[in-house]
Amino acid sequence: MVENEYSDQDYMVEMKTEEFVSLCPKTGLPDFATIIIQYKPDQYLVEQKSLKFYLARYKDVGIFQEHATNKILEDFIRTTKPKWAKITTVWKVRGGIGTIVEREYSRAGSKE
């Protein structure tokens, strides 16, 4: 984490990676996704190198796409304590079906 020098301001940060990989817990085959994290920081910003290392840990984890999306957002919220956050995961087509999972978080009392 990095201290946010502009925590009194309301602004949006968006980070995107097209390099996310996890494993299907049923087949053991890799699932590939684009991950988009949007957030309105409060006291802390995300340090991108740390985020990259965190996401890379999933390459050996058997986890459903929906669960991965929720887990990443929950860890992000616990670590950075943003005013607002949203994660979108766009999973590559598997078996002819593509999947997009979104979850949004808003801290009580914060403006959207």
N, C-alpha and C. Protein backbone atom coordinates (compact mmCIF):
# COMPACT_ATOMS: atom_id res chain seq x y z
N MET A 1 0.84 -1.18 0.00
CA MET A 1 0.00 0.00 0.00
C MET A 1 0.88 1.24 0.00
N VAL A 2 0.31 2.28 -0.54
CA VAL A 2 0.97 3.58 -0.59
C VAL A 2 0.02 4.59 0.01
N GLU A 3 0.53 5.49 0.83
CA GLU A 3 -0.32 6.51 1.42
C GLU A 3 -0.86 7.43 0.33
N ASN A 4 -2.15 7.72 0.40
CA ASN A 4 -2.82 8.58 -0.57
C ASN A 4 -2.73 10.04 -0.12
N GLU A 5 -1.94 10.83 -0.81
CA GLU A 5 -1.78 12.25 -0.47
C GLU A 5 -3.02 13.08 -0.80
N TYR A 6 -3.94 12.51 -1.56
CA TYR A 6 -5.16 13.23 -1.95
C TYR A 6 -6.42 12.54 -1.41
N SER A 7 -6.33 12.02 -0.20
CA SER A 7 -7.46 11.29 0.38
C SER A 7 -8.68 12.17 0.60
N ASP A 8 -8.49 13.48 0.61
CA ASP A 8 -9.62 14.40 0.77
C ASP A 8 -10.37 14.60 -0.55
N GLN A 9 -9.82 14.09 -1.65
CA GLN A 9 -10.44 14.20 -2.97
C GLN A 9 -11.15 12.90 -3.33
N ASP A 10 -12.16 13.03 -4.16
CA ASP A 10 -12.91 11.87 -4.63
C ASP A 10 -12.54 11.62 -6.08
N TYR A 11 -11.73 10.59 -6.34
CA TYR A 11 -11.31 10.29 -7.70
C TYR A 11 -11.27 8.78 -7.91
N MET A 12 -11.28 8.39 -9.18
CA MET A 12 -11.36 6.98 -9.56
C MET A 12 -10.01 6.50 -10.08
N VAL A 13 -9.64 5.29 -9.70
CA VAL A 13 -8.45 4.62 -10.22
C VAL A 13 -8.93 3.33 -10.88
N GLU A 14 -8.39 3.03 -12.06
CA GLU A 14 -8.72 1.78 -12.73
C GLU A 14 -7.42 1.06 -13.09
N MET A 15 -7.35 -0.20 -12.72
CA MET A 15 -6.21 -1.05 -13.05
C MET A 15 -6.73 -2.25 -13.83
N LYS A 16 -5.95 -2.67 -14.82
CA LYS A 16 -6.40 -3.76 -15.69
C LYS A 16 -5.22 -4.67 -16.00
N THR A 17 -5.47 -5.96 -15.95
CA THR A 17 -4.47 -6.93 -16.39
C THR A 17 -5.16 -7.98 -17.25
N GLU A 18 -4.47 -8.39 -18.28
CA GLU A 18 -4.97 -9.45 -19.16
C GLU A 18 -4.18 -10.74 -18.96
N GLU A 19 -3.45 -10.82 -17.85
CA GLU A 19 -2.54 -11.94 -17.60
C GLU A 19 -2.98 -12.83 -16.44
N PHE A 20 -4.23 -12.76 -16.02
CA PHE A 20 -4.66 -13.55 -14.87
C PHE A 20 -4.92 -14.99 -15.27
N VAL A 21 -4.44 -15.91 -14.43
CA VAL A 21 -4.66 -17.34 -14.65
C VAL A 21 -4.97 -18.00 -13.31
N SER A 22 -6.00 -18.83 -13.30
CA SER A 22 -6.29 -19.71 -12.17
C SER A 22 -6.60 -21.08 -12.74
N LEU A 23 -6.90 -22.04 -11.87
CA LEU A 23 -7.20 -23.39 -12.33
C LEU A 23 -8.65 -23.75 -12.05
N CYS A 24 -9.28 -24.43 -12.99
CA CYS A 24 -10.63 -24.94 -12.75
C CYS A 24 -10.51 -26.06 -11.71
N PRO A 25 -11.28 -25.96 -10.61
CA PRO A 25 -11.16 -26.99 -9.57
C PRO A 25 -11.71 -28.36 -9.99
N LYS A 26 -12.51 -28.40 -11.04
CA LYS A 26 -13.07 -29.68 -11.50
C LYS A 26 -12.14 -30.39 -12.47
N THR A 27 -11.56 -29.63 -13.42
CA THR A 27 -10.76 -30.24 -14.48
C THR A 27 -9.26 -30.07 -14.29
N GLY A 28 -8.86 -29.07 -13.49
CA GLY A 28 -7.46 -28.76 -13.33
C GLY A 28 -6.88 -27.97 -14.49
N LEU A 29 -7.73 -27.63 -15.46
CA LEU A 29 -7.28 -26.86 -16.62
C LEU A 29 -7.23 -25.37 -16.28
N PRO A 30 -6.37 -24.62 -16.96
CA PRO A 30 -6.25 -23.19 -16.66
C PRO A 30 -7.45 -22.39 -17.14
N ASP A 31 -7.82 -21.39 -16.37
CA ASP A 31 -8.82 -20.40 -16.74
C ASP A 31 -8.08 -19.07 -16.89
N PHE A 32 -8.29 -18.41 -18.00
CA PHE A 32 -7.63 -17.14 -18.29
C PHE A 32 -8.65 -16.01 -18.22
N ALA A 33 -8.23 -14.88 -17.66
CA ALA A 33 -9.18 -13.76 -17.51
C ALA A 33 -8.48 -12.42 -17.62
N THR A 34 -9.27 -11.44 -18.04
CA THR A 34 -8.90 -10.04 -17.91
C THR A 34 -9.56 -9.56 -16.63
N ILE A 35 -8.80 -8.89 -15.79
CA ILE A 35 -9.33 -8.38 -14.54
C ILE A 35 -9.25 -6.86 -14.57
N ILE A 36 -10.37 -6.23 -14.24
CA ILE A 36 -10.43 -4.77 -14.16
C ILE A 36 -10.85 -4.43 -12.74
N ILE A 37 -10.01 -3.68 -12.05
CA ILE A 37 -10.32 -3.21 -10.70
C ILE A 37 -10.45 -1.70 -10.75
N GLN A 38 -11.61 -1.21 -10.34
CA GLN A 38 -11.85 0.23 -10.25
C GLN A 38 -12.09 0.55 -8.78
N TYR A 39 -11.53 1.68 -8.33
CA TYR A 39 -11.78 2.03 -6.94
C TYR A 39 -11.60 3.52 -6.71
N LYS A 40 -12.26 3.99 -5.66
CA LYS A 40 -12.09 5.36 -5.16
C LYS A 40 -11.30 5.23 -3.86
N PRO A 41 -10.03 5.63 -3.90
CA PRO A 41 -9.18 5.44 -2.72
C PRO A 41 -9.56 6.36 -1.56
N ASP A 42 -9.25 5.89 -0.38
CA ASP A 42 -9.38 6.70 0.82
C ASP A 42 -7.97 7.00 1.31
N GLN A 43 -7.51 6.36 2.34
CA GLN A 43 -6.18 6.64 2.91
C GLN A 43 -5.04 5.98 2.15
N TYR A 44 -5.36 4.91 1.39
CA TYR A 44 -4.29 4.14 0.75
C TYR A 44 -4.54 3.92 -0.74
N LEU A 45 -3.44 3.83 -1.48
CA LEU A 45 -3.45 3.43 -2.88
C LEU A 45 -2.86 2.03 -2.98
N VAL A 46 -3.17 1.35 -4.06
CA VAL A 46 -2.61 0.02 -4.29
C VAL A 46 -1.24 0.17 -4.95
N GLU A 47 -0.28 -0.53 -4.43
CA GLU A 47 1.04 -0.56 -5.05
C GLU A 47 0.98 -1.66 -6.11
N GLN A 48 1.19 -1.29 -7.37
CA GLN A 48 0.92 -2.20 -8.49
C GLN A 48 1.79 -3.45 -8.49
N LYS A 49 3.02 -3.35 -8.07
CA LYS A 49 3.89 -4.53 -8.04
C LYS A 49 3.34 -5.57 -7.06
N SER A 50 2.87 -5.11 -5.92
CA SER A 50 2.29 -6.03 -4.93
C SER A 50 1.03 -6.68 -5.47
N LEU A 51 0.20 -5.91 -6.18
CA LEU A 51 -1.01 -6.46 -6.78
C LEU A 51 -0.65 -7.52 -7.82
N LYS A 52 0.34 -7.26 -8.62
CA LYS A 52 0.77 -8.23 -9.63
C LYS A 52 1.21 -9.54 -8.98
N PHE A 53 2.02 -9.45 -7.91
CA PHE A 53 2.46 -10.66 -7.21
C PHE A 53 1.28 -11.39 -6.57
N TYR A 54 0.34 -10.64 -5.99
CA TYR A 54 -0.85 -11.25 -5.39
C TYR A 54 -1.64 -12.03 -6.45
N LEU A 55 -1.91 -11.41 -7.58
CA LEU A 55 -2.69 -12.07 -8.63
C LEU A 55 -1.96 -13.28 -9.21
N ALA A 56 -0.64 -13.21 -9.29
CA ALA A 56 0.15 -14.33 -9.84
C ALA A 56 0.04 -15.58 -8.98
N ARG A 57 -0.25 -15.42 -7.70
CA ARG A 57 -0.39 -16.58 -6.80
C ARG A 57 -1.54 -17.50 -7.22
N TYR A 58 -2.51 -16.97 -7.94
CA TYR A 58 -3.68 -17.76 -8.33
C TYR A 58 -3.38 -18.78 -9.42
N LYS A 59 -2.22 -18.72 -10.05
CA LYS A 59 -1.92 -19.62 -11.18
C LYS A 59 -1.92 -21.09 -10.76
N ASP A 60 -1.75 -21.36 -9.48
CA ASP A 60 -1.74 -22.73 -8.98
C ASP A 60 -2.94 -23.03 -8.08
N VAL A 61 -3.93 -22.15 -8.08
CA VAL A 61 -5.09 -22.30 -7.19
C VAL A 61 -6.29 -22.81 -7.97
N GLY A 62 -6.88 -23.90 -7.48
CA GLY A 62 -8.13 -24.40 -8.05
C GLY A 62 -9.30 -23.62 -7.44
N ILE A 63 -9.94 -22.79 -8.26
CA ILE A 63 -11.01 -21.92 -7.76
C ILE A 63 -11.98 -21.61 -8.89
N PHE A 64 -13.26 -21.61 -8.58
CA PHE A 64 -14.26 -21.26 -9.59
C PHE A 64 -14.14 -19.78 -9.95
N GLN A 65 -14.53 -19.43 -11.15
CA GLN A 65 -14.41 -18.06 -11.65
C GLN A 65 -15.14 -17.07 -10.74
N GLU A 66 -16.34 -17.41 -10.35
CA GLU A 66 -17.13 -16.53 -9.49
C GLU A 66 -16.47 -16.35 -8.13
N HIS A 67 -15.93 -17.44 -7.60
CA HIS A 67 -15.27 -17.38 -6.30
C HIS A 67 -13.99 -16.55 -6.37
N ALA A 68 -13.23 -16.70 -7.45
CA ALA A 68 -12.00 -15.91 -7.61
C ALA A 68 -12.32 -14.43 -7.63
N THR A 69 -13.36 -14.05 -8.35
CA THR A 69 -13.76 -12.65 -8.43
C THR A 69 -14.09 -12.10 -7.05
N ASN A 70 -14.90 -12.81 -6.32
CA ASN A 70 -15.29 -12.38 -4.97
C ASN A 70 -14.11 -12.33 -4.01
N LYS A 71 -13.25 -13.33 -4.06
CA LYS A 71 -12.09 -13.39 -3.16
C LYS A 71 -11.13 -12.24 -3.42
N ILE A 72 -10.87 -11.95 -4.68
CA ILE A 72 -9.96 -10.85 -5.02
C ILE A 72 -10.52 -9.53 -4.49
N LEU A 73 -11.81 -9.28 -4.70
CA LEU A 73 -12.40 -8.03 -4.21
C LEU A 73 -12.37 -7.98 -2.69
N GLU A 74 -12.70 -9.06 -2.01
CA GLU A 74 -12.68 -9.06 -0.54
C GLU A 74 -11.28 -8.79 0.00
N ASP A 75 -10.27 -9.38 -0.60
CA ASP A 75 -8.89 -9.12 -0.17
C ASP A 75 -8.50 -7.67 -0.46
N PHE A 76 -8.92 -7.15 -1.60
CA PHE A 76 -8.64 -5.76 -1.98
C PHE A 76 -9.26 -4.79 -0.97
N ILE A 77 -10.52 -5.04 -0.60
CA ILE A 77 -11.22 -4.18 0.36
C ILE A 77 -10.54 -4.23 1.73
N ARG A 78 -10.21 -5.44 2.18
CA ARG A 78 -9.58 -5.60 3.48
C ARG A 78 -8.22 -4.88 3.54
N THR A 79 -7.50 -4.90 2.45
CA THR A 79 -6.16 -4.32 2.41
C THR A 79 -6.16 -2.81 2.24
N THR A 80 -6.96 -2.30 1.29
CA THR A 80 -6.89 -0.87 0.94
C THR A 80 -7.97 -0.01 1.58
N LYS A 81 -9.06 -0.63 2.03
CA LYS A 81 -10.17 0.09 2.65
C LYS A 81 -10.64 1.28 1.80
N PRO A 82 -11.02 1.00 0.54
CA PRO A 82 -11.43 2.08 -0.35
C PRO A 82 -12.80 2.63 0.01
N LYS A 83 -13.12 3.79 -0.55
CA LYS A 83 -14.46 4.36 -0.40
C LYS A 83 -15.46 3.55 -1.22
N TRP A 84 -15.00 3.11 -2.38
CA TRP A 84 -15.84 2.36 -3.32
C TRP A 84 -14.93 1.50 -4.17
N ALA A 85 -15.40 0.32 -4.57
CA ALA A 85 -14.60 -0.53 -5.45
C ALA A 85 -15.51 -1.42 -6.28
N LYS A 86 -15.00 -1.78 -7.44
CA LYS A 86 -15.71 -2.69 -8.34
C LYS A 86 -14.68 -3.54 -9.05
N ILE A 87 -14.97 -4.83 -9.15
CA ILE A 87 -14.11 -5.73 -9.91
C ILE A 87 -14.94 -6.36 -11.02
N THR A 88 -14.35 -6.42 -12.19
CA THR A 88 -14.94 -7.10 -13.33
C THR A 88 -13.92 -8.11 -13.83
N THR A 89 -14.36 -9.35 -13.96
CA THR A 89 -13.48 -10.37 -14.53
C THR A 89 -14.14 -10.86 -15.82
N VAL A 90 -13.37 -10.85 -16.89
CA VAL A 90 -13.83 -11.30 -18.20
C VAL A 90 -13.04 -12.56 -18.53
N TRP A 91 -13.73 -13.69 -18.41
CA TRP A 91 -13.08 -14.99 -18.57
C TRP A 91 -13.11 -15.42 -20.02
N LYS A 92 -12.00 -15.99 -20.47
CA LYS A 92 -11.91 -16.49 -21.85
C LYS A 92 -12.93 -17.61 -22.05
N VAL A 93 -13.38 -17.74 -23.27
CA VAL A 93 -14.38 -18.75 -23.63
C VAL A 93 -13.82 -20.14 -23.35
N ARG A 94 -14.66 -20.94 -22.69
CA ARG A 94 -14.33 -22.34 -22.41
C ARG A 94 -15.60 -23.14 -22.66
N GLY A 95 -15.49 -24.17 -23.47
CA GLY A 95 -16.67 -24.97 -23.80
C GLY A 95 -17.72 -24.17 -24.56
N GLY A 96 -17.26 -23.14 -25.27
CA GLY A 96 -18.18 -22.33 -26.08
C GLY A 96 -18.91 -21.24 -25.31
N ILE A 97 -18.61 -21.08 -24.03
CA ILE A 97 -19.31 -20.09 -23.20
C ILE A 97 -18.30 -19.18 -22.53
N GLY A 98 -18.47 -17.88 -22.73
CA GLY A 98 -17.66 -16.89 -22.03
C GLY A 98 -18.39 -16.43 -20.78
N THR A 99 -17.65 -15.99 -19.80
CA THR A 99 -18.24 -15.57 -18.54
C THR A 99 -17.68 -14.21 -18.13
N ILE A 100 -18.56 -13.34 -17.65
CA ILE A 100 -18.17 -12.06 -17.07
C ILE A 100 -18.77 -12.02 -15.68
N VAL A 101 -17.92 -11.75 -14.68
CA VAL A 101 -18.39 -11.66 -13.30
C VAL A 101 -18.05 -10.27 -12.78
N GLU A 102 -19.02 -9.62 -12.12
CA GLU A 102 -18.81 -8.29 -11.54
C GLU A 102 -19.30 -8.28 -10.11
N ARG A 103 -18.57 -7.54 -9.30
CA ARG A 103 -19.02 -7.30 -7.92
C ARG A 103 -18.60 -5.89 -7.53
N GLU A 104 -19.49 -5.23 -6.83
CA GLU A 104 -19.26 -3.85 -6.43
C GLU A 104 -19.36 -3.72 -4.92
N TYR A 105 -18.56 -2.80 -4.36
CA TYR A 105 -18.54 -2.55 -2.93
C TYR A 105 -18.65 -1.06 -2.71
N SER A 106 -19.44 -0.67 -1.73
CA SER A 106 -19.51 0.73 -1.33
C SER A 106 -19.53 0.80 0.18
N ARG A 107 -18.58 1.54 0.72
CA ARG A 107 -18.54 1.71 2.17
C ARG A 107 -19.71 2.58 2.60
N ALA A 108 -20.36 2.21 3.68
CA ALA A 108 -21.51 2.98 4.17
C ALA A 108 -21.10 4.43 4.38
N GLY A 109 -21.93 5.33 3.88
CA GLY A 109 -21.68 6.75 4.07
C GLY A 109 -20.81 7.39 2.99
N SER A 110 -20.30 6.58 2.05
CA SER A 110 -19.46 7.18 1.00
C SER A 110 -20.32 7.55 -0.20
N LYS A 111 -19.86 8.55 -0.95
CA LYS A 111 -20.56 8.99 -2.16
C LYS A 111 -20.11 8.12 -3.33
N GLU A 112 -21.04 7.79 -4.20
CA GLU A 112 -20.72 7.03 -5.43
C GLU A 112 -20.38 7.99 -6.53
